[in-house]
PDB file of N, CA and C in Angstrom:
ATOM      1  N   MET A   1     -55.435  15.909 -55.027  1.00  0.00           N
ATOM      2  CA  MET A   1     -55.395  15.445 -53.670  1.00  0.00           C
ATOM      3  C   MET A   1     -56.068  14.087 -53.608  1.00  0.00           C
ATOM      4  N   ASN A   2     -55.596  13.240 -52.752  1.00  0.00           N
ATOM      5  CA  ASN A   2     -56.113  11.887 -52.632  1.00  0.00           C
ATOM      6  C   ASN A   2     -57.403  11.916 -51.815  1.00  0.00           C
ATOM      7  N   THR A   3     -58.480  11.412 -52.414  1.00  0.00           N
ATOM      8  CA  THR A   3     -59.769  11.412 -51.725  1.00  0.00           C
ATOM      9  C   THR A   3     -60.005  10.147 -50.916  1.00  0.00           C
ATOM     10  N   GLU A   4     -59.128   9.147 -51.092  1.00  0.00           N
ATOM     11  CA  GLU A   4     -59.282   7.913 -50.337  1.00  0.00           C
ATOM     12  C   GLU A   4     -58.879   8.158 -48.885  1.00  0.00           C
ATOM     13  N   SER A   5     -59.627   7.558 -47.970  1.00  0.00           N
ATOM     14  CA  SER A   5     -59.236   7.698 -46.569  1.00  0.00           C
ATOM     15  C   SER A   5     -58.094   6.725 -46.300  1.00  0.00           C
ATOM     16  N   HIS A   6     -57.170   7.181 -45.516  1.00  0.00           N
ATOM     17  CA  HIS A   6     -55.988   6.372 -45.224  1.00  0.00           C
ATOM     18  C   HIS A   6     -56.142   5.742 -43.850  1.00  0.00           C
ATOM     19  N   ASP A   7     -56.113   4.440 -43.824  1.00  0.00           N
ATOM     20  CA  ASP A   7     -56.227   3.710 -42.555  1.00  0.00           C
ATOM     21  C   ASP A   7     -54.817   3.565 -41.975  1.00  0.00           C
ATOM     22  N   PRO A   8     -54.552   4.106 -40.774  1.00  0.00           N
ATOM     23  CA  PRO A   8     -53.206   4.026 -40.190  1.00  0.00           C
ATOM     24  C   PRO A   8     -52.778   2.592 -39.907  1.00  0.00           C
ATOM     25  N   ARG A   9     -53.720   1.674 -39.871  1.00  0.00           N
ATOM     26  CA  ARG A   9     -53.367   0.267 -39.657  1.00  0.00           C
ATOM     27  C   ARG A   9     -52.915  -0.413 -40.938  1.00  0.00           C
ATOM     28  N   ASP A  10     -53.042   0.277 -42.046  1.00  0.00           N
ATOM     29  CA  ASP A  10     -52.653  -0.280 -43.341  1.00  0.00           C
ATOM     30  C   ASP A  10     -51.158  -0.003 -43.574  1.00  0.00           C
ATOM     31  N   ILE A  11     -50.342  -0.797 -42.927  1.00  0.00           N
ATOM     32  CA  ILE A  11     -48.882  -0.623 -43.016  1.00  0.00           C
ATOM     33  C   ILE A  11     -48.380  -1.491 -44.160  1.00  0.00           C
ATOM     34  N   PRO A  12     -47.607  -0.899 -45.077  1.00  0.00           N
ATOM     35  CA  PRO A  12     -47.114  -1.709 -46.201  1.00  0.00           C
ATOM     36  C   PRO A  12     -46.128  -2.775 -45.711  1.00  0.00           C
ATOM     37  N   ILE A  13     -46.175  -3.894 -46.340  1.00  0.00           N
ATOM     38  CA  ILE A  13     -45.249  -4.990 -46.046  1.00  0.00           C
ATOM     39  C   ILE A  13     -44.036  -4.778 -46.938  1.00  0.00           C
ATOM     40  N   LEU A  14     -42.883  -5.122 -46.413  1.00  0.00           N
ATOM     41  CA  LEU A  14     -41.639  -4.886 -47.131  1.00  0.00           C
ATOM     42  C   LEU A  14     -41.662  -5.461 -48.541  1.00  0.00           C
ATOM     43  N   THR A  15     -42.153  -6.651 -48.699  1.00  0.00           N
ATOM     44  CA  THR A  15     -42.164  -7.249 -50.031  1.00  0.00           C
ATOM     45  C   THR A  15     -43.070  -6.467 -50.976  1.00  0.00           C
ATOM     46  N   GLU A  16     -44.155  -5.899 -50.473  1.00  0.00           N
ATOM     47  CA  GLU A  16     -45.025  -5.086 -51.318  1.00  0.00           C
ATOM     48  C   GLU A  16     -44.299  -3.822 -51.770  1.00  0.00           C
ATOM     49  N   ALA A  17     -43.570  -3.214 -50.870  1.00  0.00           N
ATOM     50  CA  ALA A  17     -42.836  -1.999 -51.220  1.00  0.00           C
ATOM     51  C   ALA A  17     -41.769  -2.298 -52.258  1.00  0.00           C
ATOM     52  N   ILE A  18     -41.135  -3.441 -52.142  1.00  0.00           N
ATOM     53  CA  ILE A  18     -40.102  -3.819 -53.109  1.00  0.00           C
ATOM     54  C   ILE A  18     -40.732  -4.096 -54.463  1.00  0.00           C
ATOM     55  N   GLU A  19     -41.858  -4.763 -54.482  1.00  0.00           N
ATOM     56  CA  GLU A  19     -42.521  -5.063 -55.747  1.00  0.00           C
ATOM     57  C   GLU A  19     -42.967  -3.784 -56.440  1.00  0.00           C
ATOM     58  N   LYS A  20     -43.448  -2.814 -55.691  1.00  0.00           N
ATOM     59  CA  LYS A  20     -43.888  -1.553 -56.279  1.00  0.00           C
ATOM     60  C   LYS A  20     -42.717  -0.746 -56.817  1.00  0.00           C
ATOM     61  N   ASP A  21     -41.563  -0.928 -56.217  1.00  0.00           N
ATOM     62  CA  ASP A  21     -40.360  -0.198 -56.628  1.00  0.00           C
ATOM     63  C   ASP A  21     -39.950  -0.575 -58.044  1.00  0.00           C
ATOM     64  N   GLY A  22     -40.150  -1.815 -58.416  1.00  0.00           N
ATOM     65  CA  GLY A  22     -39.838  -2.262 -59.764  1.00  0.00           C
ATOM     66  C   GLY A  22     -38.407  -2.740 -59.930  1.00  0.00           C
ATOM     67  N   ARG A  23     -37.537  -2.445 -58.983  1.00  0.00           N
ATOM     68  CA  ARG A  23     -36.157  -2.906 -59.100  1.00  0.00           C
ATOM     69  C   ARG A  23     -36.039  -4.306 -58.514  1.00  0.00           C
ATOM     70  N   GLU A  24     -35.035  -5.006 -59.001  1.00  0.00           N
ATOM     71  CA  GLU A  24     -34.798  -6.349 -58.475  1.00  0.00           C
ATOM     72  C   GLU A  24     -33.705  -6.247 -57.416  1.00  0.00           C
ATOM     73  N   TYR A  25     -33.995  -6.755 -56.255  1.00  0.00           N
ATOM     74  CA  TYR A  25     -33.042  -6.699 -55.144  1.00  0.00           C
ATOM     75  C   TYR A  25     -32.424  -8.074 -54.936  1.00  0.00           C
ATOM     76  N   VAL A  26     -31.145  -8.047 -54.692  1.00  0.00           N
ATOM     77  CA  VAL A  26     -30.442  -9.287 -54.384  1.00  0.00           C
ATOM     78  C   VAL A  26     -30.226  -9.297 -52.880  1.00  0.00           C
ATOM     79  N   PHE A  27     -30.759 -10.288 -52.234  1.00  0.00           N
ATOM     80  CA  PHE A  27     -30.575 -10.388 -50.796  1.00  0.00           C
ATOM     81  C   PHE A  27     -29.234 -11.034 -50.528  1.00  0.00           C
ATOM     82  N   PHE A  28     -28.575 -10.589 -49.511  1.00  0.00           N
ATOM     83  CA  PHE A  28     -27.227 -11.047 -49.239  1.00  0.00           C
ATOM     84  C   PHE A  28     -27.150 -11.695 -47.869  1.00  0.00           C
ATOM     85  N   ASP A  29     -26.039 -12.328 -47.653  1.00  0.00           N
ATOM     86  CA  ASP A  29     -25.789 -13.041 -46.414  1.00  0.00           C
ATOM     87  C   ASP A  29     -25.537 -12.026 -45.289  1.00  0.00           C
ATOM     88  N   ALA A  30     -26.437 -12.009 -44.310  1.00  0.00           N
ATOM     89  CA  ALA A  30     -26.335 -11.035 -43.221  1.00  0.00           C
ATOM     90  C   ALA A  30     -25.057 -11.220 -42.416  1.00  0.00           C
ATOM     91  N   LYS A  31     -24.632 -12.460 -42.216  1.00  0.00           N
ATOM     92  CA  LYS A  31     -23.406 -12.709 -41.456  1.00  0.00           C
ATOM     93  C   LYS A  31     -22.188 -12.164 -42.190  1.00  0.00           C
ATOM     94  N   ALA A  32     -22.165 -12.336 -43.497  1.00  0.00           N
ATOM     95  CA  ALA A  32     -21.042 -11.837 -44.291  1.00  0.00           C
ATOM     96  C   ALA A  32     -21.009 -10.310 -44.272  1.00  0.00           C
ATOM     97  N   VAL A  33     -22.178  -9.702 -44.382  1.00  0.00           N
ATOM     98  CA  VAL A  33     -22.253  -8.239 -44.337  1.00  0.00           C
ATOM     99  C   VAL A  33     -21.809  -7.741 -42.967  1.00  0.00           C
ATOM    100  N   HIS A  34     -22.288  -8.407 -41.914  1.00  0.00           N
ATOM    101  CA  HIS A  34     -21.907  -8.028 -40.553  1.00  0.00           C
ATOM    102  C   HIS A  34     -20.397  -8.125 -40.373  1.00  0.00           C
ATOM    103  N   ALA A  35     -19.816  -9.218 -40.829  1.00  0.00           N
ATOM    104  CA  ALA A  35     -18.368  -9.410 -40.719  1.00  0.00           C
ATOM    105  C   ALA A  35     -17.611  -8.337 -41.497  1.00  0.00           C
ATOM    106  N   ALA A  36     -18.098  -7.998 -42.683  1.00  0.00           N
ATOM    107  CA  ALA A  36     -17.445  -6.969 -43.491  1.00  0.00           C
ATOM    108  C   ALA A  36     -17.524  -5.600 -42.821  1.00  0.00           C
ATOM    109  N   VAL A  37     -18.686  -5.280 -42.254  1.00  0.00           N
ATOM    110  CA  VAL A  37     -18.845  -3.990 -41.569  1.00  0.00           C
ATOM    111  C   VAL A  37     -17.928  -3.925 -40.347  1.00  0.00           C
ATOM    112  N   VAL A  38     -17.874  -5.009 -39.580  1.00  0.00           N
ATOM    113  CA  VAL A  38     -17.012  -5.043 -38.395  1.00  0.00           C
ATOM    114  C   VAL A  38     -15.550  -4.901 -38.802  1.00  0.00           C
ATOM    115  N   THR A  39     -15.134  -5.619 -39.830  1.00  0.00           N
ATOM    116  CA  THR A  39     -13.747  -5.550 -40.298  1.00  0.00           C
ATOM    117  C   THR A  39     -13.387  -4.152 -40.752  1.00  0.00           C
ATOM    118  N   GLU A  40     -14.241  -3.558 -41.562  1.00  0.00           N
ATOM    119  CA  GLU A  40     -13.968  -2.206 -42.054  1.00  0.00           C
ATOM    120  C   GLU A  40     -13.968  -1.180 -40.906  1.00  0.00           C
ATOM    121  N   THR A  41     -14.863  -1.364 -39.948  1.00  0.00           N
ATOM    122  CA  THR A  41     -14.914  -0.462 -38.797  1.00  0.00           C
ATOM    123  C   THR A  41     -13.636  -0.564 -37.980  1.00  0.00           C
ATOM    124  N   LEU A  42     -13.174  -1.787 -37.744  1.00  0.00           N
ATOM    125  CA  LEU A  42     -11.928  -1.980 -36.992  1.00  0.00           C
ATOM    126  C   LEU A  42     -10.729  -1.408 -37.745  1.00  0.00           C
ATOM    127  N   ASN A  43     -10.697  -1.582 -39.050  1.00  0.00           N
ATOM    128  CA  ASN A  43      -9.614  -1.002 -39.854  1.00  0.00           C
ATOM    129  C   ASN A  43      -9.618   0.519 -39.764  1.00  0.00           C
ATOM    130  N   LEU A  44     -10.806   1.116 -39.850  1.00  0.00           N
ATOM    131  CA  LEU A  44     -10.921   2.567 -39.744  1.00  0.00           C
ATOM    132  C   LEU A  44     -10.487   3.042 -38.359  1.00  0.00           C
ATOM    133  N   ALA A  45     -10.953   2.359 -37.322  1.00  0.00           N
ATOM    134  CA  ALA A  45     -10.581   2.729 -35.951  1.00  0.00           C
ATOM    135  C   ALA A  45      -9.071   2.613 -35.761  1.00  0.00           C
ATOM    136  N   ASP A  46      -8.475   1.562 -36.280  1.00  0.00           N
ATOM    137  CA  ASP A  46      -7.027   1.370 -36.174  1.00  0.00           C
ATOM    138  C   ASP A  46      -6.283   2.504 -36.870  1.00  0.00           C
ATOM    139  N   SER A  47      -6.722   2.848 -38.050  1.00  0.00           N
ATOM    140  CA  SER A  47      -6.096   3.939 -38.802  1.00  0.00           C
ATOM    141  C   SER A  47      -6.218   5.271 -38.061  1.00  0.00           C
ATOM    142  N   LEU A  48      -7.404   5.544 -37.539  1.00  0.00           N
ATOM    143  CA  LEU A  48      -7.613   6.796 -36.806  1.00  0.00           C
ATOM    144  C   LEU A  48      -6.783   6.844 -35.527  1.00  0.00           C
ATOM    145  N   LEU A  49      -6.675   5.710 -34.841  1.00  0.00           N
ATOM    146  CA  LEU A  49      -5.865   5.669 -33.621  1.00  0.00           C
ATOM    147  C   LEU A  49      -4.382   5.869 -33.921  1.00  0.00           C
ATOM    148  N   HIS A  50      -3.901   5.267 -34.998  1.00  0.00           N
ATOM    149  CA  HIS A  50      -2.496   5.454 -35.374  1.00  0.00           C
ATOM    150  C   HIS A  50      -2.221   6.918 -35.708  1.00  0.00           C
ATOM    151  N   GLN A  51      -3.125   7.547 -36.435  1.00  0.00           N
ATOM    152  CA  GLN A  51      -2.941   8.955 -36.775  1.00  0.00           C
ATOM    153  C   GLN A  51      -2.995   9.829 -35.523  1.00  0.00           C
ATOM    154  N   ALA A  52      -3.915   9.508 -34.626  1.00  0.00           N
ATOM    155  CA  ALA A  52      -4.015  10.265 -33.373  1.00  0.00           C
ATOM    156  C   ALA A  52      -2.738  10.106 -32.555  1.00  0.00           C
ATOM    157  N   ALA A  53      -2.181   8.898 -32.508  1.00  0.00           N
ATOM    158  CA  ALA A  53      -0.938   8.665 -31.766  1.00  0.00           C
ATOM    159  C   ALA A  53       0.210   9.467 -32.374  1.00  0.00           C
ATOM    160  N   LYS A  54       0.271   9.529 -33.698  1.00  0.00           N
ATOM    161  CA  LYS A  54       1.310  10.326 -34.361  1.00  0.00           C
ATOM    162  C   LYS A  54       1.140  11.810 -34.025  1.00  0.00           C
ATOM    163  N   ASP A  55      -0.097  12.285 -34.031  1.00  0.00           N
ATOM    164  CA  ASP A  55      -0.358  13.689 -33.703  1.00  0.00           C
ATOM    165  C   ASP A  55       0.037  13.997 -32.265  1.00  0.00           C
ATOM    166  N   ILE A  56      -0.308  13.081 -31.351  1.00  0.00           N
ATOM    167  CA  ILE A  56       0.040  13.272 -29.942  1.00  0.00           C
ATOM    168  C   ILE A  56       1.555  13.268 -29.769  1.00  0.00           C
ATOM    169  N   GLU A  57       2.224  12.333 -30.435  1.00  0.00           N
ATOM    170  CA  GLU A  57       3.675  12.244 -30.346  1.00  0.00           C
ATOM    171  C   GLU A  57       4.329  13.527 -30.857  1.00  0.00           C
ATOM    172  N   ALA A  58       3.852  14.038 -31.973  1.00  0.00           N
ATOM    173  CA  ALA A  58       4.408  15.273 -32.525  1.00  0.00           C
ATOM    174  C   ALA A  58       4.195  16.438 -31.565  1.00  0.00           C
ATOM    175  N   THR A  59       3.032  16.504 -30.961  1.00  0.00           N
ATOM    176  CA  THR A  59       2.740  17.577 -30.008  1.00  0.00           C
ATOM    177  C   THR A  59       3.649  17.476 -28.789  1.00  0.00           C
ATOM    178  N   LEU A  60       3.839  16.267 -28.281  1.00  0.00           N
ATOM    179  CA  LEU A  60       4.703  16.084 -27.109  1.00  0.00           C
ATOM    180  C   LEU A  60       6.161  16.418 -27.429  1.00  0.00           C
ATOM    181  N   PHE A  61       6.664  15.996 -28.586  1.00  0.00           N
ATOM    182  CA  PHE A  61       8.022  16.344 -28.977  1.00  0.00           C
ATOM    183  C   PHE A  61       8.184  17.857 -29.063  1.00  0.00           C
ATOM    184  N   GLU A  62       7.193  18.513 -29.631  1.00  0.00           N
ATOM    185  CA  GLU A  62       7.246  19.967 -29.752  1.00  0.00           C
ATOM    186  C   GLU A  62       7.309  20.619 -28.375  1.00  0.00           C
ATOM    187  N   ARG A  63       6.488  20.147 -27.439  1.00  0.00           N
ATOM    188  CA  ARG A  63       6.503  20.694 -26.078  1.00  0.00           C
ATOM    189  C   ARG A  63       7.848  20.472 -25.402  1.00  0.00           C
ATOM    190  N   VAL A  64       8.399  19.260 -25.530  1.00  0.00           N
ATOM    191  CA  VAL A  64       9.692  18.951 -24.908  1.00  0.00           C
ATOM    192  C   VAL A  64      10.780  19.848 -25.476  1.00  0.00           C
ATOM    193  N   PHE A  65      10.827  19.992 -26.788  1.00  0.00           N
ATOM    194  CA  PHE A  65      11.861  20.830 -27.391  1.00  0.00           C
ATOM    195  C   PHE A  65      11.667  22.301 -27.044  1.00  0.00           C
ATOM    196  N   ASP A  66      10.431  22.761 -26.939  1.00  0.00           N
ATOM    197  CA  ASP A  66      10.182  24.138 -26.500  1.00  0.00           C
ATOM    198  C   ASP A  66      10.686  24.361 -25.083  1.00  0.00           C
ATOM    199  N   GLN A  67      10.418  23.396 -24.191  1.00  0.00           N
ATOM    200  CA  GLN A  67      10.894  23.522 -22.808  1.00  0.00           C
ATOM    201  C   GLN A  67      12.417  23.436 -22.746  1.00  0.00           C
ATOM    202  N   LEU A  68      12.994  22.554 -23.514  1.00  0.00           N
ATOM    203  CA  LEU A  68      14.452  22.439 -23.560  1.00  0.00           C
ATOM    204  C   LEU A  68      15.073  23.738 -24.068  1.00  0.00           C
ATOM    205  N   ARG A  69      14.504  24.282 -25.117  1.00  0.00           N
ATOM    206  CA  ARG A  69      14.995  25.547 -25.684  1.00  0.00           C
ATOM    207  C   ARG A  69      14.900  26.670 -24.649  1.00  0.00           C
ATOM    208  N   ALA A  70      13.834  26.669 -23.867  1.00  0.00           N
ATOM    209  CA  ALA A  70      13.639  27.723 -22.873  1.00  0.00           C
ATOM    210  C   ALA A  70      14.547  27.541 -21.657  1.00  0.00           C
ATOM    211  N   GLN A  71      14.787  26.295 -21.237  1.00  0.00           N
ATOM    212  CA  GLN A  71      15.530  26.041 -20.008  1.00  0.00           C
ATOM    213  C   GLN A  71      17.022  25.820 -20.207  1.00  0.00           C
ATOM    214  N   LEU A  72      17.446  25.515 -21.406  1.00  0.00           N
ATOM    215  CA  LEU A  72      18.850  25.207 -21.659  1.00  0.00           C
ATOM    216  C   LEU A  72      19.795  26.375 -21.345  1.00  0.00           C
ATOM    217  N   PRO A  73      19.479  27.606 -21.734  1.00  0.00           N
ATOM    218  CA  PRO A  73      20.412  28.700 -21.400  1.00  0.00           C
ATOM    219  C   PRO A  73      20.667  28.834 -19.890  1.00  0.00           C
ATOM    220  N   GLU A  74      19.626  28.706 -19.072  1.00  0.00           N
ATOM    221  CA  GLU A  74      19.796  28.812 -17.617  1.00  0.00           C
ATOM    222  C   GLU A  74      20.604  27.631 -17.095  1.00  0.00           C
ATOM    223  N   LEU A  75      20.355  26.439 -17.644  1.00  0.00           N
ATOM    224  CA  LEU A  75      21.080  25.249 -17.232  1.00  0.00           C
ATOM    225  C   LEU A  75      22.573  25.400 -17.529  1.00  0.00           C
ATOM    226  N   VAL A  76      22.903  25.836 -18.730  1.00  0.00           N
ATOM    227  CA  VAL A  76      24.305  26.017 -19.115  1.00  0.00           C
ATOM    228  C   VAL A  76      24.948  27.081 -18.227  1.00  0.00           C
ATOM    229  N   ASP A  77      24.254  28.186 -17.998  1.00  0.00           N
ATOM    230  CA  ASP A  77      24.777  29.255 -17.153  1.00  0.00           C
ATOM    231  C   ASP A  77      25.048  28.749 -15.740  1.00  0.00           C
ATOM    232  N   ARG A  78      24.120  27.995 -15.175  1.00  0.00           N
ATOM    233  CA  ARG A  78      24.270  27.463 -13.820  1.00  0.00           C
ATOM    234  C   ARG A  78      25.466  26.518 -13.723  1.00  0.00           C
ATOM    235  N   VAL A  79      25.606  25.617 -14.701  1.00  0.00           N
ATOM    236  CA  VAL A  79      26.717  24.664 -14.686  1.00  0.00           C
ATOM    237  C   VAL A  79      28.047  25.391 -14.845  1.00  0.00           C
ATOM    238  N   LEU A  80      28.092  26.370 -15.729  1.00  0.00           N
ATOM    239  CA  LEU A  80      29.333  27.143 -15.914  1.00  0.00           C
ATOM    240  C   LEU A  80      29.708  27.894 -14.633  1.00  0.00           C
ATOM    241  N   ARG A  81      28.724  28.471 -13.964  1.00  0.00           N
ATOM    242  CA  ARG A  81      29.013  29.181 -12.708  1.00  0.00           C
ATOM    243  C   ARG A  81      29.523  28.218 -11.640  1.00  0.00           C
ATOM    244  N   GLN A  82      28.902  27.043 -11.566  1.00  0.00           N
ATOM    245  CA  GLN A  82      29.344  26.059 -10.570  1.00  0.00           C
ATOM    246  C   GLN A  82      30.780  25.627 -10.823  1.00  0.00           C
ATOM    247  N   HIS A  83      31.113  25.388 -12.067  1.00  0.00           N
ATOM    248  CA  HIS A  83      32.489  24.974 -12.391  1.00  0.00           C
ATOM    249  C   HIS A  83      33.473  26.126 -12.229  1.00  0.00           C
ATOM    250  N   ALA A  84      33.043  27.316 -12.548  1.00  0.00           N
ATOM    251  CA  ALA A  84      33.924  28.468 -12.356  1.00  0.00           C
ATOM    252  C   ALA A  84      34.164  28.712 -10.875  1.00  0.00           C
ATOM    253  N   ALA A  85      33.154  28.544 -10.039  1.00  0.00           N
ATOM    254  CA  ALA A  85      33.304  28.746  -8.592  1.00  0.00           C
ATOM    255  C   ALA A  85      34.242  27.699  -8.004  1.00  0.00           C
ATOM    256  N   ALA A  86      34.244  26.512  -8.529  1.00  0.00           N
ATOM    257  CA  ALA A  86      35.121  25.456  -8.028  1.00  0.00           C
ATOM    258  C   ALA A  86      36.574  25.729  -8.381  1.00  0.00           C
ATOM    259  N   LYS A  87      36.831  26.470  -9.424  1.00  0.00           N
ATOM    260  CA  LYS A  87      38.198  26.759  -9.878  1.00  0.00           C
ATOM    261  C   LYS A  87      38.796  27.992  -9.191  1.00  0.00           C
ATOM    262  N   ILE A  88      37.974  28.847  -8.599  1.00  0.00           N
ATOM    263  CA  ILE A  88      38.464  30.070  -7.958  1.00  0.00           C
ATOM    264  C   ILE A  88      38.936  29.733  -6.543  1.00  0.00           C
ATOM    265  N   PRO A  89      40.198  30.139  -6.175  1.00  0.00           N
ATOM    266  CA  PRO A  89      40.697  29.881  -4.825  1.00  0.00           C
ATOM    267  C   PRO A  89      39.891  30.659  -3.797  1.00  0.00           C
ATOM    268  N   ALA A  90      39.709  30.064  -2.612  1.00  0.00           N
ATOM    269  CA  ALA A  90      38.929  30.703  -1.552  1.00  0.00           C
ATOM    270  C   ALA A  90      39.637  31.948  -1.052  1.00  0.00           C
ATOM    271  N   GLU A  91      40.979  31.922  -0.895  1.00  0.00           N
ATOM    272  CA  GLU A  91      41.738  33.079  -0.448  1.00  0.00           C
ATOM    273  C   GLU A  91      42.894  33.289  -1.420  1.00  0.00           C
ATOM    274  N   PRO A  92      43.350  34.502  -1.555  1.00  0.00           N
ATOM    275  CA  PRO A  92      44.487  34.737  -2.457  1.00  0.00           C
ATOM    276  C   PRO A  92      45.679  33.902  -2.018  1.00  0.00           C
ATOM    277  N   GLY A  93      46.349  33.307  -2.978  1.00  0.00           N
ATOM    278  CA  GLY A  93      47.513  32.516  -2.710  1.00  0.00           C
ATOM    279  C   GLY A  93      47.231  31.045  -2.524  1.00  0.00           C
ATOM    280  N   GLN A  94      45.979  30.661  -2.393  1.00  0.00           N
ATOM    281  CA  GLN A  94      45.648  29.250  -2.250  1.00  0.00           C
ATOM    282  C   GLN A  94      45.323  28.654  -3.620  1.00  0.00           C
ATOM    283  N   LEU A  95      45.601  27.408  -3.743  1.00  0.00           N
ATOM    284  CA  LEU A  95      45.288  26.719  -4.977  1.00  0.00           C
ATOM    285  C   LEU A  95      43.828  26.275  -4.952  1.00  0.00           C
ATOM    286  N   SER A  96      43.281  26.088  -6.127  1.00  0.00           N
ATOM    287  CA  SER A  96      41.904  25.595  -6.192  1.00  0.00           C
ATOM    288  C   SER A  96      41.870  24.145  -5.749  1.00  0.00           C
ATOM    289  N   LYS A  97      40.654  23.621  -5.568  1.00  0.00           N
ATOM    290  CA  LYS A  97      40.480  22.238  -5.141  1.00  0.00           C
ATOM    291  C   LYS A  97      41.064  21.264  -6.144  1.00  0.00           C
ATOM    292  N   ASP A  98      41.051  21.648  -7.435  1.00  0.00           N
ATOM    293  CA  ASP A  98      41.511  20.749  -8.492  1.00  0.00           C
ATOM    294  C   ASP A  98      43.017  20.834  -8.690  1.00  0.00           C
ATOM    295  N   GLY A  99      43.654  21.908  -8.262  1.00  0.00           N
ATOM    296  CA  GLY A  99      45.030  22.110  -8.650  1.00  0.00           C
ATOM    297  C   GLY A  99      45.953  21.962  -7.567  1.00  0.00           C
TER     298      GLY A  99
END
């Protein structure tokens, strides 16, 4: 156990911590790093948005086709009945509206 008293005001300076680490650090251009991070972030966001749009589009197509599949039989039946009713004479011996 360390018997030395630790003074909370004794905050290590970054350069001291680096020197104690023993590794050599290469400092880089902050503007270049910032630009690279922004570019990569925008590319990632663009990719995620495109994928989300594809997922939404697929979901919407699926919903539309499900509704079409469900409603088409009634639609066809209704149209056939309407056309059949137009072809039937109102009274026996009368011609239809089309004939």
